[in-house]
Amino acid sequence: MLDALKAMHGEVLTQIAALEAVVACPAPNRDSLSNARWRLMRASRARLKLLNDGVYPALCDTMPGPVAAFRADDAASRAASAKHIAYWQIDRIIADWPGYQAVSGQITARMRRRIADEQRAFYPALGRAVATPSVASRSGR
């Protein structure tokens, strides 16, 4: 599971960088922006699925407080993301490119911080869990 989480983090970070590159352009490109947003959303959803289906169940007994905090943050992040996507539809982005650039930078920075938090919390714990049969069996290993 640790390898899967590392790979998922890598994919999300790759998609964040791709979006940041598009957003850094002086003018918006509708197709590039739509594609980058879609790919980041897809990678983020896959990461969340891995957390919910594998990481959290594997670690809920050994680190219940952090898992609960991450789950609460997930709920808040999903709500904020839905609001962001609903507000910043492509026509609004085109009309207010500087505004979108600023907001997008804040969101991608938050996403990078969240991944760093997950790495600090989960990588060591999952590394230990591989050697613990009872935890490994709950995680599907």
N, C-alpha and C. Protein backbone atom coordinates (compact mmCIF):
# COMPACT_ATOMS: atom_id res chain seq x y z
N MET A 1 0.81 -1.20 0.00
CA MET A 1 0.00 0.00 0.00
C MET A 1 0.86 1.26 0.00
N LEU A 2 2.00 1.17 0.68
CA LEU A 2 2.90 2.33 0.71
C LEU A 2 3.33 2.71 -0.70
N ASP A 3 3.68 1.72 -1.51
CA ASP A 3 4.09 2.01 -2.88
C ASP A 3 2.94 2.64 -3.68
N ALA A 4 1.74 2.15 -3.47
CA ALA A 4 0.58 2.70 -4.17
C ALA A 4 0.33 4.16 -3.77
N LEU A 5 0.49 4.45 -2.47
CA LEU A 5 0.28 5.82 -2.01
C LEU A 5 1.37 6.74 -2.56
N LYS A 6 2.61 6.26 -2.56
CA LYS A 6 3.70 7.06 -3.14
C LYS A 6 3.44 7.35 -4.61
N ALA A 7 3.00 6.34 -5.35
CA ALA A 7 2.70 6.53 -6.77
C ALA A 7 1.55 7.52 -6.95
N MET A 8 0.53 7.40 -6.11
CA MET A 8 -0.61 8.30 -6.21
C MET A 8 -0.20 9.73 -5.89
N HIS A 9 0.61 9.91 -4.87
CA HIS A 9 1.12 11.25 -4.56
C HIS A 9 1.92 11.80 -5.73
N GLY A 10 2.73 10.97 -6.34
CA GLY A 10 3.50 11.40 -7.50
C GLY A 10 2.61 11.86 -8.64
N GLU A 11 1.54 11.12 -8.87
CA GLU A 11 0.61 11.49 -9.95
C GLU A 11 -0.10 12.80 -9.64
N VAL A 12 -0.56 12.97 -8.43
CA VAL A 12 -1.23 14.22 -8.07
C VAL A 12 -0.26 15.40 -8.20
N LEU A 13 0.96 15.23 -7.72
CA LEU A 13 1.94 16.31 -7.83
C LEU A 13 2.27 16.62 -9.29
N THR A 14 2.32 15.60 -10.13
CA THR A 14 2.53 15.82 -11.57
C THR A 14 1.39 16.63 -12.17
N GLN A 15 0.18 16.31 -11.78
CA GLN A 15 -0.98 17.03 -12.33
C GLN A 15 -1.09 18.45 -11.76
N ILE A 16 -0.67 18.63 -10.52
CA ILE A 16 -0.62 19.99 -9.95
C ILE A 16 0.36 20.83 -10.76
N ALA A 17 1.54 20.27 -11.03
CA ALA A 17 2.55 21.00 -11.81
C ALA A 17 2.04 21.32 -13.21
N ALA A 18 1.31 20.40 -13.80
CA ALA A 18 0.76 20.65 -15.14
C ALA A 18 -0.25 21.79 -15.11
N LEU A 19 -1.11 21.80 -14.10
CA LEU A 19 -2.07 22.91 -13.98
C LEU A 19 -1.34 24.22 -13.72
N GLU A 20 -0.36 24.19 -12.84
CA GLU A 20 0.40 25.41 -12.54
C GLU A 20 1.07 25.97 -13.79
N ALA A 21 1.55 25.09 -14.65
CA ALA A 21 2.19 25.55 -15.90
C ALA A 21 1.18 26.24 -16.80
N VAL A 22 -0.01 25.69 -16.89
CA VAL A 22 -1.06 26.30 -17.72
C VAL A 22 -1.49 27.63 -17.12
N VAL A 23 -1.64 27.68 -15.81
CA VAL A 23 -2.11 28.88 -15.12
C VAL A 23 -1.04 29.98 -15.15
N ALA A 24 0.21 29.62 -15.31
CA ALA A 24 1.28 30.61 -15.37
C ALA A 24 1.32 31.37 -16.70
N CYS A 25 0.61 30.89 -17.68
CA CYS A 25 0.59 31.57 -18.98
C CYS A 25 -0.07 32.94 -18.86
N PRO A 26 0.37 33.89 -19.69
CA PRO A 26 -0.19 35.24 -19.59
C PRO A 26 -1.67 35.33 -19.98
N ALA A 27 -2.11 34.38 -20.80
CA ALA A 27 -3.52 34.37 -21.21
C ALA A 27 -4.02 32.92 -21.13
N PRO A 28 -5.30 32.74 -20.83
CA PRO A 28 -5.83 31.39 -20.70
C PRO A 28 -5.97 30.68 -22.04
N ASN A 29 -5.74 29.38 -22.03
CA ASN A 29 -6.01 28.52 -23.16
C ASN A 29 -7.10 27.55 -22.72
N ARG A 30 -8.27 27.72 -23.26
CA ARG A 30 -9.45 26.98 -22.82
C ARG A 30 -9.21 25.46 -22.81
N ASP A 31 -8.69 24.92 -23.89
CA ASP A 31 -8.51 23.47 -23.98
C ASP A 31 -7.45 22.97 -23.00
N SER A 32 -6.32 23.65 -22.94
CA SER A 32 -5.26 23.23 -22.02
C SER A 32 -5.73 23.31 -20.58
N LEU A 33 -6.42 24.36 -20.24
CA LEU A 33 -6.91 24.54 -18.89
C LEU A 33 -7.94 23.48 -18.51
N SER A 34 -8.89 23.24 -19.40
CA SER A 34 -9.91 22.22 -19.13
C SER A 34 -9.27 20.86 -18.94
N ASN A 35 -8.31 20.53 -19.78
CA ASN A 35 -7.63 19.24 -19.69
C ASN A 35 -6.85 19.12 -18.39
N ALA A 36 -6.10 20.15 -18.04
CA ALA A 36 -5.30 20.12 -16.81
C ALA A 36 -6.19 20.02 -15.58
N ARG A 37 -7.28 20.75 -15.56
CA ARG A 37 -8.20 20.68 -14.41
C ARG A 37 -8.82 19.29 -14.29
N TRP A 38 -9.23 18.72 -15.42
CA TRP A 38 -9.85 17.41 -15.41
C TRP A 38 -8.86 16.36 -14.92
N ARG A 39 -7.62 16.39 -15.40
CA ARG A 39 -6.63 15.39 -15.00
C ARG A 39 -6.28 15.52 -13.52
N LEU A 40 -6.20 16.74 -13.03
CA LEU A 40 -5.93 16.91 -11.59
C LEU A 40 -7.11 16.40 -10.76
N MET A 41 -8.32 16.68 -11.19
CA MET A 41 -9.49 16.20 -10.47
C MET A 41 -9.52 14.67 -10.45
N ARG A 42 -9.22 14.06 -11.58
CA ARG A 42 -9.21 12.59 -11.67
C ARG A 42 -8.14 12.00 -10.74
N ALA A 43 -6.95 12.56 -10.74
CA ALA A 43 -5.88 12.07 -9.86
C ALA A 43 -6.25 12.28 -8.39
N SER A 44 -6.84 13.41 -8.07
CA SER A 44 -7.25 13.70 -6.69
C SER A 44 -8.31 12.72 -6.21
N ARG A 45 -9.25 12.41 -7.07
CA ARG A 45 -10.29 11.44 -6.70
C ARG A 45 -9.70 10.06 -6.47
N ALA A 46 -8.77 9.66 -7.32
CA ALA A 46 -8.13 8.36 -7.15
C ALA A 46 -7.34 8.31 -5.85
N ARG A 47 -6.66 9.41 -5.50
CA ARG A 47 -5.94 9.47 -4.23
C ARG A 47 -6.90 9.33 -3.06
N LEU A 48 -8.01 10.02 -3.12
CA LEU A 48 -9.00 9.95 -2.05
C LEU A 48 -9.58 8.54 -1.93
N LYS A 49 -9.80 7.89 -3.05
CA LYS A 49 -10.30 6.51 -3.02
C LYS A 49 -9.28 5.59 -2.34
N LEU A 50 -8.01 5.74 -2.66
CA LEU A 50 -6.98 4.93 -2.03
C LEU A 50 -6.93 5.19 -0.52
N LEU A 51 -7.04 6.45 -0.14
CA LEU A 51 -7.06 6.77 1.29
C LEU A 51 -8.24 6.11 1.98
N ASN A 52 -9.43 6.28 1.42
CA ASN A 52 -10.65 5.76 2.05
C ASN A 52 -10.73 4.24 2.05
N ASP A 53 -10.29 3.63 0.96
CA ASP A 53 -10.43 2.18 0.83
C ASP A 53 -9.26 1.39 1.40
N GLY A 54 -8.11 2.03 1.53
CA GLY A 54 -6.93 1.29 1.96
C GLY A 54 -6.19 1.88 3.13
N VAL A 55 -5.75 3.10 2.99
CA VAL A 55 -4.87 3.71 4.00
C VAL A 55 -5.61 3.90 5.32
N TYR A 56 -6.75 4.54 5.29
CA TYR A 56 -7.46 4.81 6.54
C TYR A 56 -7.84 3.52 7.27
N PRO A 57 -8.43 2.53 6.58
CA PRO A 57 -8.74 1.29 7.29
C PRO A 57 -7.50 0.59 7.85
N ALA A 58 -6.39 0.68 7.13
CA ALA A 58 -5.17 0.02 7.59
C ALA A 58 -4.60 0.68 8.84
N LEU A 59 -4.82 1.97 8.99
CA LEU A 59 -4.18 2.71 10.07
C LEU A 59 -5.13 3.20 11.16
N CYS A 60 -6.42 2.94 11.02
CA CYS A 60 -7.39 3.51 11.97
C CYS A 60 -7.18 3.01 13.40
N ASP A 61 -6.67 1.80 13.58
CA ASP A 61 -6.44 1.29 14.94
C ASP A 61 -5.16 1.85 15.55
N THR A 62 -4.14 2.03 14.73
CA THR A 62 -2.84 2.46 15.26
C THR A 62 -2.70 3.97 15.35
N MET A 63 -3.47 4.71 14.57
CA MET A 63 -3.40 6.17 14.64
C MET A 63 -4.79 6.78 14.41
N PRO A 64 -5.73 6.49 15.33
CA PRO A 64 -7.11 6.93 15.14
C PRO A 64 -7.26 8.45 15.09
N GLY A 65 -6.52 9.18 15.89
CA GLY A 65 -6.64 10.64 15.89
C GLY A 65 -6.24 11.25 14.56
N PRO A 66 -5.05 10.95 14.05
CA PRO A 66 -4.66 11.49 12.76
C PRO A 66 -5.59 11.06 11.62
N VAL A 67 -6.02 9.80 11.62
CA VAL A 67 -6.92 9.34 10.56
C VAL A 67 -8.22 10.14 10.62
N ALA A 68 -8.77 10.34 11.81
CA ALA A 68 -10.00 11.13 11.94
C ALA A 68 -9.79 12.56 11.46
N ALA A 69 -8.65 13.14 11.78
CA ALA A 69 -8.36 14.51 11.35
C ALA A 69 -8.24 14.59 9.83
N PHE A 70 -7.58 13.61 9.23
CA PHE A 70 -7.45 13.61 7.76
C PHE A 70 -8.83 13.43 7.11
N ARG A 71 -9.65 12.55 7.69
CA ARG A 71 -10.99 12.35 7.13
C ARG A 71 -11.82 13.64 7.21
N ALA A 72 -11.72 14.33 8.32
CA ALA A 72 -12.45 15.60 8.47
C ALA A 72 -11.95 16.61 7.45
N ASP A 73 -10.64 16.66 7.25
CA ASP A 73 -10.08 17.57 6.26
C ASP A 73 -10.54 17.18 4.85
N ASP A 74 -10.66 15.88 4.60
CA ASP A 74 -11.16 15.43 3.29
C ASP A 74 -12.55 15.99 3.02
N ALA A 75 -13.42 15.92 4.02
CA ALA A 75 -14.79 16.42 3.85
C ALA A 75 -14.79 17.92 3.57
N ALA A 76 -14.00 18.66 4.31
CA ALA A 76 -13.91 20.11 4.10
C ALA A 76 -13.32 20.41 2.73
N SER A 77 -12.31 19.66 2.34
CA SER A 77 -11.67 19.88 1.04
C SER A 77 -12.62 19.57 -0.12
N ARG A 78 -13.40 18.50 0.02
CA ARG A 78 -14.37 18.17 -1.04
C ARG A 78 -15.40 19.29 -1.19
N ALA A 79 -15.87 19.82 -0.07
CA ALA A 79 -16.85 20.91 -0.14
C ALA A 79 -16.23 22.15 -0.76
N ALA A 80 -15.02 22.49 -0.38
CA ALA A 80 -14.34 23.65 -0.95
C ALA A 80 -14.07 23.45 -2.44
N SER A 81 -13.69 22.25 -2.81
CA SER A 81 -13.41 21.95 -4.22
C SER A 81 -14.68 22.07 -5.06
N ALA A 82 -15.77 21.53 -4.56
CA ALA A 82 -17.04 21.61 -5.29
C ALA A 82 -17.45 23.07 -5.47
N LYS A 83 -17.28 23.86 -4.43
CA LYS A 83 -17.61 25.29 -4.52
C LYS A 83 -16.71 25.99 -5.53
N HIS A 84 -15.41 25.69 -5.50
CA HIS A 84 -14.44 26.28 -6.42
C HIS A 84 -14.80 25.94 -7.87
N ILE A 85 -15.06 24.66 -8.12
CA ILE A 85 -15.37 24.21 -9.48
C ILE A 85 -16.67 24.83 -9.98
N ALA A 86 -17.66 24.92 -9.10
CA ALA A 86 -18.94 25.52 -9.50
C ALA A 86 -18.78 27.00 -9.82
N TYR A 87 -17.99 27.70 -9.01
CA TYR A 87 -17.80 29.13 -9.23
C TYR A 87 -16.90 29.40 -10.44
N TRP A 88 -15.77 28.70 -10.49
CA TRP A 88 -14.78 28.96 -11.53
C TRP A 88 -14.99 28.06 -12.74
N GLN A 89 -16.13 28.27 -13.39
CA GLN A 89 -16.37 27.58 -14.66
C GLN A 89 -15.55 28.29 -15.74
N ILE A 90 -15.36 27.62 -16.84
CA ILE A 90 -14.39 28.07 -17.84
C ILE A 90 -14.67 29.49 -18.33
N ASP A 91 -15.91 29.85 -18.54
CA ASP A 91 -16.19 31.21 -19.02
C ASP A 91 -15.80 32.27 -17.99
N ARG A 92 -16.02 31.98 -16.73
CA ARG A 92 -15.62 32.92 -15.68
C ARG A 92 -14.09 33.02 -15.61
N ILE A 93 -13.43 31.89 -15.76
CA ILE A 93 -11.96 31.89 -15.74
C ILE A 93 -11.42 32.76 -16.87
N ILE A 94 -11.97 32.59 -18.05
CA ILE A 94 -11.53 33.38 -19.21
C ILE A 94 -11.75 34.86 -18.94
N ALA A 95 -12.88 35.18 -18.35
CA ALA A 95 -13.23 36.58 -18.08
C ALA A 95 -12.37 37.20 -16.98
N ASP A 96 -11.93 36.39 -16.02
CA ASP A 96 -11.14 36.91 -14.89
C ASP A 96 -9.89 36.06 -14.69
N TRP A 97 -9.06 36.03 -15.69
CA TRP A 97 -7.85 35.23 -15.65
C TRP A 97 -6.96 35.57 -14.46
N PRO A 98 -6.67 36.84 -14.18
CA PRO A 98 -5.83 37.15 -13.02
C PRO A 98 -6.44 36.67 -11.69
N GLY A 99 -7.74 36.77 -11.57
CA GLY A 99 -8.42 36.29 -10.36
C GLY A 99 -8.29 34.79 -10.23
N TYR A 100 -8.48 34.08 -11.34
CA TYR A 100 -8.34 32.63 -11.30
C TYR A 100 -6.90 32.22 -11.00
N GLN A 101 -5.96 32.91 -11.59
CA GLN A 101 -4.55 32.59 -11.33
C GLN A 101 -4.24 32.68 -9.83
N ALA A 102 -4.74 33.71 -9.20
CA ALA A 102 -4.48 33.89 -7.76
C ALA A 102 -5.12 32.77 -6.94
N VAL A 103 -6.37 32.49 -7.20
CA VAL A 103 -7.09 31.46 -6.45
C VAL A 103 -6.51 30.08 -6.72
N SER A 104 -6.19 29.81 -7.96
CA SER A 104 -5.62 28.52 -8.32
C SER A 104 -4.29 28.29 -7.59
N GLY A 105 -3.48 29.32 -7.50
CA GLY A 105 -2.21 29.20 -6.79
C GLY A 105 -2.40 28.87 -5.32
N GLN A 106 -3.42 29.45 -4.72
CA GLN A 106 -3.71 29.16 -3.31
C GLN A 106 -4.14 27.70 -3.14
N ILE A 107 -4.96 27.23 -4.06
CA ILE A 107 -5.47 25.86 -3.95
C ILE A 107 -4.37 24.84 -4.20
N THR A 108 -3.54 25.07 -5.21
CA THR A 108 -2.48 24.10 -5.47
C THR A 108 -1.46 24.09 -4.33
N ALA A 109 -1.22 25.24 -3.72
CA ALA A 109 -0.32 25.27 -2.56
C ALA A 109 -0.91 24.46 -1.41
N ARG A 110 -2.21 24.59 -1.19
CA ARG A 110 -2.87 23.81 -0.14
C ARG A 110 -2.79 22.32 -0.44
N MET A 111 -2.97 21.94 -1.70
CA MET A 111 -2.89 20.53 -2.09
C MET A 111 -1.48 19.98 -1.85
N ARG A 112 -0.47 20.77 -2.16
CA ARG A 112 0.91 20.34 -1.91
C ARG A 112 1.16 20.15 -0.40
N ARG A 113 0.63 21.07 0.40
CA ARG A 113 0.79 20.93 1.86
C ARG A 113 0.10 19.67 2.37
N ARG A 114 -1.07 19.39 1.84
CA ARG A 114 -1.81 18.20 2.27
C ARG A 114 -1.02 16.93 1.92
N ILE A 115 -0.47 16.88 0.74
CA ILE A 115 0.31 15.70 0.36
C ILE A 115 1.53 15.56 1.27
N ALA A 116 2.19 16.66 1.56
CA ALA A 116 3.34 16.62 2.48
C ALA A 116 2.90 16.12 3.85
N ASP A 117 1.74 16.55 4.32
CA ASP A 117 1.21 16.08 5.61
C ASP A 117 0.95 14.57 5.57
N GLU A 118 0.36 14.10 4.48
CA GLU A 118 0.10 12.66 4.33
C GLU A 118 1.41 11.89 4.31
N GLN A 119 2.40 12.40 3.60
CA GLN A 119 3.69 11.72 3.54
C GLN A 119 4.30 11.59 4.93
N ARG A 120 4.28 12.67 5.70
CA ARG A 120 4.84 12.64 7.05
C ARG A 120 4.08 11.67 7.96
N ALA A 121 2.78 11.65 7.84
CA ALA A 121 1.97 10.81 8.73
C ALA A 121 1.92 9.36 8.28
N PHE A 122 1.71 9.14 7.00
CA PHE A 122 1.39 7.79 6.55
C PHE A 122 2.57 6.96 6.08
N TYR A 123 3.58 7.55 5.50
CA TYR A 123 4.69 6.74 4.99
C TYR A 123 5.35 5.93 6.11
N PRO A 124 5.74 6.55 7.22
CA PRO A 124 6.35 5.74 8.28
C PRO A 124 5.38 4.69 8.83
N ALA A 125 4.12 5.08 9.02
CA ALA A 125 3.13 4.15 9.58
C ALA A 125 2.87 2.98 8.64
N LEU A 126 2.77 3.26 7.36
CA LEU A 126 2.54 2.17 6.40
C LEU A 126 3.77 1.30 6.26
N GLY A 127 4.94 1.89 6.38
CA GLY A 127 6.16 1.09 6.35
C GLY A 127 6.21 0.11 7.50
N ARG A 128 5.76 0.54 8.67
CA ARG A 128 5.69 -0.36 9.83
C ARG A 128 4.57 -1.37 9.67
N ALA A 129 3.46 -0.95 9.08
CA ALA A 129 2.29 -1.82 8.95
C ALA A 129 2.55 -3.03 8.07
N VAL A 130 3.44 -2.90 7.10
CA VAL A 130 3.74 -4.02 6.22
C VAL A 130 4.28 -5.20 7.02
N ALA A 131 5.01 -4.91 8.07
CA ALA A 131 5.60 -5.96 8.90
C ALA A 131 4.64 -6.49 9.95
N THR A 132 3.46 -5.89 10.09
CA THR A 132 2.49 -6.28 11.11
C THR A 132 1.33 -7.01 10.43
N PRO A 133 1.25 -8.34 10.52
CA PRO A 133 0.24 -9.11 9.80
C PRO A 133 -1.20 -8.64 10.04
N SER A 134 -1.57 -8.30 11.26
CA SER A 134 -2.96 -7.92 11.52
C SER A 134 -3.32 -6.64 10.78
N VAL A 135 -2.42 -5.69 10.71
CA VAL A 135 -2.68 -4.45 9.98
C VAL A 135 -2.64 -4.71 8.50
N ALA A 136 -1.66 -5.51 8.05
CA ALA A 136 -1.54 -5.81 6.63
C ALA A 136 -2.79 -6.53 6.11
N SER A 137 -3.38 -7.41 6.91
CA SER A 137 -4.56 -8.13 6.44
C SER A 137 -5.75 -7.20 6.30
N ARG A 138 -5.89 -6.18 7.16
CA ARG A 138 -6.99 -5.22 7.04
C ARG A 138 -6.82 -4.34 5.82
N SER A 139 -5.58 -4.14 5.40
CA SER A 139 -5.33 -3.24 4.28
C SER A 139 -5.39 -3.97 2.94
N GLY A 140 -5.70 -5.24 2.96
CA GLY A 140 -5.83 -5.99 1.73
C GLY A 140 -4.52 -6.59 1.23
N ARG A 141 -3.49 -6.58 2.03
CA ARG A 141 -2.19 -7.15 1.64
C ARG A 141 -2.17 -8.62 1.93
